[in-house]
PDB file of N, CA and C in Angstrom:
ATOM      1  N   MET A   1     -15.409   9.937   5.572  1.00  0.00           N
ATOM      2  CA  MET A   1     -14.195   9.323   5.059  1.00  0.00           C
ATOM      3  C   MET A   1     -13.775   8.193   5.989  1.00  0.00           C
ATOM      4  N   ASN A   2     -13.270   7.137   5.391  1.00  0.00           N
ATOM      5  CA  ASN A   2     -12.739   6.048   6.194  1.00  0.00           C
ATOM      6  C   ASN A   2     -11.324   5.715   5.738  1.00  0.00           C
ATOM      7  N   LYS A   3     -10.705   4.745   6.390  1.00  0.00           N
ATOM      8  CA  LYS A   3      -9.309   4.404   6.104  1.00  0.00           C
ATOM      9  C   LYS A   3      -9.099   4.031   4.632  1.00  0.00           C
ATOM     10  N   ASP A   4     -10.069   3.384   4.018  1.00  0.00           N
ATOM     11  CA  ASP A   4      -9.936   2.999   2.610  1.00  0.00           C
ATOM     12  C   ASP A   4      -9.794   4.207   1.694  1.00  0.00           C
ATOM     13  N   ASP A   5     -10.364   5.337   2.085  1.00  0.00           N
ATOM     14  CA  ASP A   5     -10.271   6.546   1.271  1.00  0.00           C
ATOM     15  C   ASP A   5      -8.836   7.060   1.175  1.00  0.00           C
ATOM     16  N   PHE A   6      -7.995   6.680   2.135  1.00  0.00           N
ATOM     17  CA  PHE A   6      -6.613   7.137   2.166  1.00  0.00           C
ATOM     18  C   PHE A   6      -5.630   6.101   1.625  1.00  0.00           C
ATOM     19  N   GLU A   7      -6.109   4.944   1.244  1.00  0.00           N
ATOM     20  CA  GLU A   7      -5.209   3.845   0.878  1.00  0.00           C
ATOM     21  C   GLU A   7      -4.272   4.204  -0.271  1.00  0.00           C
ATOM     22  N   GLU A   8      -4.761   4.851  -1.297  1.00  0.00           N
ATOM     23  CA  GLU A   8      -3.901   5.222  -2.432  1.00  0.00           C
ATOM     24  C   GLU A   8      -2.806   6.193  -1.983  1.00  0.00           C
ATOM     25  N   LEU A   9      -3.161   7.151  -1.144  1.00  0.00           N
ATOM     26  CA  LEU A   9      -2.165   8.088  -0.612  1.00  0.00           C
ATOM     27  C   LEU A   9      -1.159   7.353   0.269  1.00  0.00           C
ATOM     28  N   PHE A  10      -1.632   6.440   1.117  1.00  0.00           N
ATOM     29  CA  PHE A  10      -0.727   5.661   1.970  1.00  0.00           C
ATOM     30  C   PHE A  10       0.255   4.858   1.122  1.00  0.00           C
ATOM     31  N   GLN A  11      -0.221   4.245   0.054  1.00  0.00           N
ATOM     32  CA  GLN A  11       0.655   3.459  -0.813  1.00  0.00           C
ATOM     33  C   GLN A  11       1.725   4.349  -1.442  1.00  0.00           C
ATOM     34  N   PHE A  12       1.342   5.528  -1.864  1.00  0.00           N
ATOM     35  CA  PHE A  12       2.324   6.461  -2.417  1.00  0.00           C
ATOM     36  C   PHE A  12       3.359   6.836  -1.361  1.00  0.00           C
ATOM     37  N   LEU A  13       2.897   7.238  -0.182  1.00  0.00           N
ATOM     38  CA  LEU A  13       3.823   7.660   0.872  1.00  0.00           C
ATOM     39  C   LEU A  13       4.781   6.531   1.261  1.00  0.00           C
ATOM     40  N   LYS A  14       4.310   5.298   1.257  1.00  0.00           N
ATOM     41  CA  LYS A  14       5.178   4.157   1.588  1.00  0.00           C
ATOM     42  C   LYS A  14       6.285   3.970   0.555  1.00  0.00           C
ATOM     43  N   SER A  15       6.092   4.497  -0.637  1.00  0.00           N
ATOM     44  CA  SER A  15       7.118   4.364  -1.678  1.00  0.00           C
ATOM     45  C   SER A  15       8.203   5.442  -1.570  1.00  0.00           C
ATOM     46  N   VAL A  16       7.982   6.447  -0.731  1.00  0.00           N
ATOM     47  CA  VAL A  16       8.945   7.534  -0.564  1.00  0.00           C
ATOM     48  C   VAL A  16      10.058   7.063   0.379  1.00  0.00           C
ATOM     49  N   PRO A  17      11.328   7.223  -0.019  1.00  0.00           N
ATOM     50  CA  PRO A  17      12.429   6.795   0.848  1.00  0.00           C
ATOM     51  C   PRO A  17      12.338   7.468   2.218  1.00  0.00           C
ATOM     52  N   SER A  18      12.604   6.723   3.246  1.00  0.00           N
ATOM     53  CA  SER A  18      12.680   7.152   4.642  1.00  0.00           C
ATOM     54  C   SER A  18      11.337   7.223   5.360  1.00  0.00           C
ATOM     55  N   ILE A  19      10.203   7.165   4.667  1.00  0.00           N
ATOM     56  CA  ILE A  19       8.912   7.218   5.356  1.00  0.00           C
ATOM     57  C   ILE A  19       8.583   5.836   5.907  1.00  0.00           C
ATOM     58  N   LYS A  20       8.262   5.802   7.200  1.00  0.00           N
ATOM     59  CA  LYS A  20       7.925   4.550   7.872  1.00  0.00           C
ATOM     60  C   LYS A  20       6.510   4.124   7.501  1.00  0.00           C
ATOM     61  N   GLU A  21       6.215   2.833   7.679  1.00  0.00           N
ATOM     62  CA  GLU A  21       4.929   2.305   7.244  1.00  0.00           C
ATOM     63  C   GLU A  21       3.759   2.667   8.148  1.00  0.00           C
ATOM     64  N   SER A  22       3.991   2.994   9.410  1.00  0.00           N
ATOM     65  CA  SER A  22       2.858   3.324  10.282  1.00  0.00           C
ATOM     66  C   SER A  22       2.389   4.740   9.986  1.00  0.00           C
ATOM     67  N   MET A  23       1.095   4.864   9.686  1.00  0.00           N
ATOM     68  CA  MET A  23       0.511   6.153   9.334  1.00  0.00           C
ATOM     69  C   MET A  23      -0.857   6.264   9.984  1.00  0.00           C
ATOM     70  N   ALA A  24      -1.319   7.498  10.117  1.00  0.00           N
ATOM     71  CA  ALA A  24      -2.656   7.750  10.654  1.00  0.00           C
ATOM     72  C   ALA A  24      -3.323   8.806   9.787  1.00  0.00           C
ATOM     73  N   SER A  25      -4.636   8.814   9.809  1.00  0.00           N
ATOM     74  CA  SER A  25      -5.376   9.800   9.029  1.00  0.00           C
ATOM     75  C   SER A  25      -6.700  10.076   9.724  1.00  0.00           C
ATOM     76  N   GLY A  26      -7.329  11.157   9.311  1.00  0.00           N
ATOM     77  CA  GLY A  26      -8.635  11.475   9.874  1.00  0.00           C
ATOM     78  C   GLY A  26      -9.204  12.737   9.263  1.00  0.00           C
ATOM     79  N   MET A  27     -10.356  13.127   9.800  1.00  0.00           N
ATOM     80  CA  MET A  27     -11.032  14.346   9.355  1.00  0.00           C
ATOM     81  C   MET A  27     -11.401  15.170  10.570  1.00  0.00           C
ATOM     82  N   ASP A  28     -11.357  16.484  10.395  1.00  0.00           N
ATOM     83  CA  ASP A  28     -11.747  17.396  11.454  1.00  0.00           C
ATOM     84  C   ASP A  28     -12.352  18.635  10.814  1.00  0.00           C
ATOM     85  N   LYS A  29     -13.605  18.889  11.075  1.00  0.00           N
ATOM     86  CA  LYS A  29     -14.307  20.071  10.543  1.00  0.00           C
ATOM     87  C   LYS A  29     -14.228  20.148   9.023  1.00  0.00           C
ATOM     88  N   GLY A  30     -14.381  19.016   8.369  1.00  0.00           N
ATOM     89  CA  GLY A  30     -14.380  18.973   6.911  1.00  0.00           C
ATOM     90  C   GLY A  30     -13.017  18.940   6.261  1.00  0.00           C
ATOM     91  N   LEU A  31     -11.951  19.017   7.049  1.00  0.00           N
ATOM     92  CA  LEU A  31     -10.591  18.956   6.516  1.00  0.00           C
ATOM     93  C   LEU A  31      -9.979  17.619   6.879  1.00  0.00           C
ATOM     94  N   TRP A  32      -9.179  17.061   5.985  1.00  0.00           N
ATOM     95  CA  TRP A  32      -8.541  15.784   6.292  1.00  0.00           C
ATOM     96  C   TRP A  32      -7.069  15.981   6.565  1.00  0.00           C
ATOM     97  N   TRP A  33      -6.482  15.021   7.270  1.00  0.00           N
ATOM     98  CA  TRP A  33      -5.071  15.077   7.626  1.00  0.00           C
ATOM     99  C   TRP A  33      -4.465  13.681   7.564  1.00  0.00           C
ATOM    100  N   VAL A  34      -3.149  13.657   7.395  1.00  0.00           N
ATOM    101  CA  VAL A  34      -2.377  12.410   7.385  1.00  0.00           C
ATOM    102  C   VAL A  34      -1.132  12.643   8.230  1.00  0.00           C
ATOM    103  N   LYS A  35      -0.831  11.689   9.098  1.00  0.00           N
ATOM    104  CA  LYS A  35       0.393  11.749   9.898  1.00  0.00           C
ATOM    105  C   LYS A  35       1.258  10.555   9.538  1.00  0.00           C
ATOM    106  N   PHE A  36       2.576  10.791   9.484  1.00  0.00           N
ATOM    107  CA  PHE A  36       3.520   9.717   9.216  1.00  0.00           C
ATOM    108  C   PHE A  36       4.835  10.052   9.887  1.00  0.00           C
ATOM    109  N   GLN A  37       5.685   9.045  10.000  1.00  0.00           N
ATOM    110  CA  GLN A  37       6.996   9.241  10.601  1.00  0.00           C
ATOM    111  C   GLN A  37       8.076   9.068   9.547  1.00  0.00           C
ATOM    112  N   ILE A  38       9.190   9.760   9.771  1.00  0.00           N
ATOM    113  CA  ILE A  38      10.342   9.652   8.890  1.00  0.00           C
ATOM    114  C   ILE A  38      11.486   9.024   9.665  1.00  0.00           C
ATOM    115  N   ASN A  39      12.123   8.046   9.057  1.00  0.00           N
ATOM    116  CA  ASN A  39      13.294   7.409   9.649  1.00  0.00           C
ATOM    117  C   ASN A  39      14.469   8.368   9.508  1.00  0.00           C
ATOM    118  N   ILE A  40      14.859   9.009  10.608  1.00  0.00           N
ATOM    119  CA  ILE A  40      15.897  10.038  10.534  1.00  0.00           C
ATOM    120  C   ILE A  40      17.283   9.467  10.274  1.00  0.00           C
ATOM    121  N   ASP A  41      17.435   8.136  10.380  1.00  0.00           N
ATOM    122  CA  ASP A  41      18.723   7.519  10.070  1.00  0.00           C
ATOM    123  C   ASP A  41      18.895   7.258   8.572  1.00  0.00           C
ATOM    124  N   HIS A  42      17.805   7.375   7.819  1.00  0.00           N
ATOM    125  CA  HIS A  42      17.873   7.157   6.377  1.00  0.00           C
ATOM    126  C   HIS A  42      18.678   8.302   5.749  1.00  0.00           C
ATOM    127  N   PRO A  43      19.579   8.008   4.810  1.00  0.00           N
ATOM    128  CA  PRO A  43      20.405   9.061   4.219  1.00  0.00           C
ATOM    129  C   PRO A  43      19.610  10.138   3.466  1.00  0.00           C
ATOM    130  N   LEU A  44      18.386   9.841   3.049  1.00  0.00           N
ATOM    131  CA  LEU A  44      17.587  10.827   2.307  1.00  0.00           C
ATOM    132  C   LEU A  44      16.524  11.513   3.166  1.00  0.00           C
ATOM    133  N   ALA A  45      16.530  11.285   4.478  1.00  0.00           N
ATOM    134  CA  ALA A  45      15.477  11.810   5.344  1.00  0.00           C
ATOM    135  C   ALA A  45      15.335  13.327   5.228  1.00  0.00           C
ATOM    136  N   TRP A  46      16.437  14.068   5.333  1.00  0.00           N
ATOM    137  CA  TRP A  46      16.346  15.519   5.276  1.00  0.00           C
ATOM    138  C   TRP A  46      15.890  15.981   3.899  1.00  0.00           C
ATOM    139  N   ASN A  47      16.308  15.292   2.846  1.00  0.00           N
ATOM    140  CA  ASN A  47      15.853  15.635   1.497  1.00  0.00           C
ATOM    141  C   ASN A  47      14.344  15.442   1.367  1.00  0.00           C
ATOM    142  N   VAL A  48      13.820  14.389   1.969  1.00  0.00           N
ATOM    143  CA  VAL A  48      12.378  14.126   1.914  1.00  0.00           C
ATOM    144  C   VAL A  48      11.617  15.252   2.611  1.00  0.00           C
ATOM    145  N   VAL A  49      12.080  15.680   3.781  1.00  0.00           N
ATOM    146  CA  VAL A  49      11.428  16.781   4.497  1.00  0.00           C
ATOM    147  C   VAL A  49      11.437  18.045   3.629  1.00  0.00           C
ATOM    148  N   GLN A  50      12.577  18.356   3.039  1.00  0.00           N
ATOM    149  CA  GLN A  50      12.676  19.562   2.209  1.00  0.00           C
ATOM    150  C   GLN A  50      11.772  19.482   0.974  1.00  0.00           C
ATOM    151  N   GLU A  51      11.794  18.352   0.290  1.00  0.00           N
ATOM    152  CA  GLU A  51      10.974  18.195  -0.916  1.00  0.00           C
ATOM    153  C   GLU A  51       9.492  18.261  -0.592  1.00  0.00           C
ATOM    154  N   MET A  52       9.061  17.585   0.463  1.00  0.00           N
ATOM    155  CA  MET A  52       7.638  17.615   0.822  1.00  0.00           C
ATOM    156  C   MET A  52       7.220  19.030   1.223  1.00  0.00           C
ATOM    157  N   GLY A  53       8.067  19.712   1.976  1.00  0.00           N
ATOM    158  CA  GLY A  53       7.753  21.087   2.347  1.00  0.00           C
ATOM    159  C   GLY A  53       7.590  21.969   1.129  1.00  0.00           C
ATOM    160  N   TYR A  54       8.466  21.804   0.161  1.00  0.00           N
ATOM    161  CA  TYR A  54       8.387  22.603  -1.057  1.00  0.00           C
ATOM    162  C   TYR A  54       7.143  22.257  -1.878  1.00  0.00           C
ATOM    163  N   ILE A  55       6.940  20.982  -2.122  1.00  0.00           N
ATOM    164  CA  ILE A  55       5.818  20.554  -2.976  1.00  0.00           C
ATOM    165  C   ILE A  55       4.477  20.905  -2.341  1.00  0.00           C
ATOM    166  N   LEU A  56       4.325  20.618  -1.063  1.00  0.00           N
ATOM    167  CA  LEU A  56       3.027  20.824  -0.427  1.00  0.00           C
ATOM    168  C   LEU A  56       2.756  22.267  -0.026  1.00  0.00           C
ATOM    169  N   ASN A  57       3.783  23.052   0.187  1.00  0.00           N
ATOM    170  CA  ASN A  57       3.575  24.436   0.623  1.00  0.00           C
ATOM    171  C   ASN A  57       3.799  25.473  -0.474  1.00  0.00           C
ATOM    172  N   TYR A  58       4.703  25.213  -1.431  1.00  0.00           N
ATOM    173  CA  TYR A  58       5.115  26.291  -2.339  1.00  0.00           C
ATOM    174  C   TYR A  58       5.256  25.902  -3.801  1.00  0.00           C
ATOM    175  N   LEU A  59       4.687  24.812  -4.235  1.00  0.00           N
ATOM    176  CA  LEU A  59       4.904  24.358  -5.603  1.00  0.00           C
ATOM    177  C   LEU A  59       4.537  25.436  -6.623  1.00  0.00           C
ATOM    178  N   SER A  60       3.423  26.095  -6.419  1.00  0.00           N
ATOM    179  CA  SER A  60       3.011  27.153  -7.340  1.00  0.00           C
ATOM    180  C   SER A  60       2.814  28.447  -6.565  1.00  0.00           C
ATOM    181  N   LEU A  61       3.549  29.472  -6.938  1.00  0.00           N
ATOM    182  CA  LEU A  61       3.409  30.763  -6.267  1.00  0.00           C
ATOM    183  C   LEU A  61       2.145  31.491  -6.703  1.00  0.00           C
ATOM    184  N   GLU A  62       1.678  31.242  -7.941  1.00  0.00           N
ATOM    185  CA  GLU A  62       0.485  31.908  -8.443  1.00  0.00           C
ATOM    186  C   GLU A  62      -0.790  31.262  -7.931  1.00  0.00           C
ATOM    187  N   GLU A  63      -0.793  29.941  -7.820  1.00  0.00           N
ATOM    188  CA  GLU A  63      -1.998  29.220  -7.415  1.00  0.00           C
ATOM    189  C   GLU A  63      -1.622  28.250  -6.292  1.00  0.00           C
ATOM    190  N   ARG A  64      -1.747  28.701  -5.055  1.00  0.00           N
ATOM    191  CA  ARG A  64      -1.334  27.902  -3.905  1.00  0.00           C
ATOM    192  C   ARG A  64      -2.196  26.662  -3.757  1.00  0.00           C
ATOM    193  N   LEU A  65      -1.573  25.552  -3.402  1.00  0.00           N
ATOM    194  CA  LEU A  65      -2.304  24.326  -3.129  1.00  0.00           C
ATOM    195  C   LEU A  65      -3.006  24.450  -1.781  1.00  0.00           C
ATOM    196  N   PRO A  66      -4.142  23.782  -1.616  1.00  0.00           N
ATOM    197  CA  PRO A  66      -4.847  23.846  -0.332  1.00  0.00           C
ATOM    198  C   PRO A  66      -4.253  22.847   0.675  1.00  0.00           C
ATOM    199  N   THR A  67      -2.942  22.859   0.816  1.00  0.00           N
ATOM    200  CA  THR A  67      -2.263  21.915   1.703  1.00  0.00           C
ATOM    201  C   THR A  67      -1.318  22.662   2.636  1.00  0.00           C
ATOM    202  N   VAL A  68      -0.987  21.999   3.729  1.00  0.00           N
ATOM    203  CA  VAL A  68      -0.005  22.529   4.663  1.00  0.00           C
ATOM    204  C   VAL A  68       0.843  21.346   5.128  1.00  0.00           C
ATOM    205  N   PHE A  69       2.157  21.483   5.023  1.00  0.00           N
ATOM    206  CA  PHE A  69       3.083  20.469   5.512  1.00  0.00           C
ATOM    207  C   PHE A  69       3.743  21.022   6.749  1.00  0.00           C
ATOM    208  N   LYS A  70       3.493  20.389   7.891  1.00  0.00           N
ATOM    209  CA  LYS A  70       4.029  20.873   9.157  1.00  0.00           C
ATOM    210  C   LYS A  70       4.757  19.742   9.880  1.00  0.00           C
ATOM    211  N   PRO A  71       6.074  19.690   9.787  1.00  0.00           N
ATOM    212  CA  PRO A  71       6.796  18.741  10.633  1.00  0.00           C
ATOM    213  C   PRO A  71       6.571  19.137  12.092  1.00  0.00           C
ATOM    214  N   VAL A  72       6.314  18.165  12.946  1.00  0.00           N
ATOM    215  CA  VAL A  72       6.032  18.459  14.351  1.00  0.00           C
ATOM    216  C   VAL A  72       6.960  17.680  15.270  1.00  0.00           C
ATOM    217  N   SER A  73       7.092  18.183  16.474  1.00  0.00           N
ATOM    218  CA  SER A  73       7.950  17.591  17.481  1.00  0.00           C
ATOM    219  C   SER A  73       7.407  17.991  18.849  1.00  0.00           C
ATOM    220  N   PRO A  74       7.723  17.223  19.900  1.00  0.00           N
ATOM    221  CA  PRO A  74       7.313  17.643  21.242  1.00  0.00           C
ATOM    222  C   PRO A  74       8.024  18.935  21.636  1.00  0.00           C
ATOM    223  N   PRO A  75       7.564  19.603  22.715  1.00  0.00           N
ATOM    224  CA  PRO A  75       8.255  20.807  23.174  1.00  0.00           C
ATOM    225  C   PRO A  75       9.700  20.498  23.538  1.00  0.00           C
ATOM    226  N   PRO A  76      10.600  21.474  23.418  1.00  0.00           N
ATOM    227  CA  PRO A  76      12.023  21.235  23.663  1.00  0.00           C
ATOM    228  C   PRO A  76      12.327  20.607  25.019  1.00  0.00           C
ATOM    229  N   TYR A  77      11.579  20.983  26.051  1.00  0.00           N
ATOM    230  CA  TYR A  77      11.868  20.421  27.373  1.00  0.00           C
ATOM    231  C   TYR A  77      11.492  18.945  27.483  1.00  0.00           C
ATOM    232  N   LEU A  78      10.695  18.430  26.559  1.00  0.00           N
ATOM    233  CA  LEU A  78      10.357  17.003  26.535  1.00  0.00           C
ATOM    234  C   LEU A  78      11.150  16.254  25.476  1.00  0.00           C
ATOM    235  N   ASN A  79      11.884  16.999  24.664  1.00  0.00           N
ATOM    236  CA  ASN A  79      12.564  16.411  23.524  1.00  0.00           C
ATOM    237  C   ASN A  79      13.950  15.932  23.947  1.00  0.00           C
ATOM    238  N   GLY A  80      14.116  14.596  23.978  1.00  0.00           N
ATOM    239  CA  GLY A  80      15.400  14.019  24.370  1.00  0.00           C
ATOM    240  C   GLY A  80      16.385  13.931  23.238  1.00  0.00           C
ATOM    241  N   GLY A  81      16.017  14.348  22.061  1.00  0.00           N
ATOM    242  CA  GLY A  81      16.903  14.274  20.913  1.00  0.00           C
ATOM    243  C   GLY A  81      16.215  13.611  19.738  1.00  0.00           C
ATOM    244  N   PRO A  82      16.796  13.719  18.561  1.00  0.00           N
ATOM    245  CA  PRO A  82      16.132  13.235  17.360  1.00  0.00           C
ATOM    246  C   PRO A  82      15.893  11.726  17.357  1.00  0.00           C
ATOM    247  N   LYS A  83      16.763  10.964  17.963  1.00  0.00           N
ATOM    248  CA  LYS A  83      16.584   9.505  17.965  1.00  0.00           C
ATOM    249  C   LYS A  83      15.302   9.095  18.694  1.00  0.00           C
ATOM    250  N   GLU A  84      14.932   9.828  19.738  1.00  0.00           N
ATOM    251  CA  GLU A  84      13.775   9.461  20.526  1.00  0.00           C
ATOM    252  C   GLU A  84      12.483  10.154  20.093  1.00  0.00           C
ATOM    253  N   PHE A  85      12.578  11.402  19.644  1.00  0.00           N
ATOM    254  CA  PHE A  85      11.360  12.197  19.505  1.00  0.00           C
ATOM    255  C   PHE A  85      11.122  12.860  18.174  1.00  0.00           C
ATOM    256  N   LEU A  86      12.053  12.901  17.268  1.00  0.00           N
ATOM    257  CA  LEU A  86      11.840  13.596  16.010  1.00  0.00           C
ATOM    258  C   LEU A  86      11.022  12.734  15.073  1.00  0.00           C
TER     259      LEU A  86
END
């Protein structure tokens, strides 16, 4: 897989309110991943986190999607607050 393989997904994510344009992607052991940042000052930022968590983790209880949505942050002792590290 190369960057072009993710272009359609990147274009979609860029259309979501609060998602910043810088993104990364890759593959590891046959699984692919995408990283992106959310502008926490955007009024819909928390809604975007909640919606993505629901859609990617729990959309169907009978037939789970092969996806995992994991918001990440540095350890608390390195975290100076949401403006710097979230």
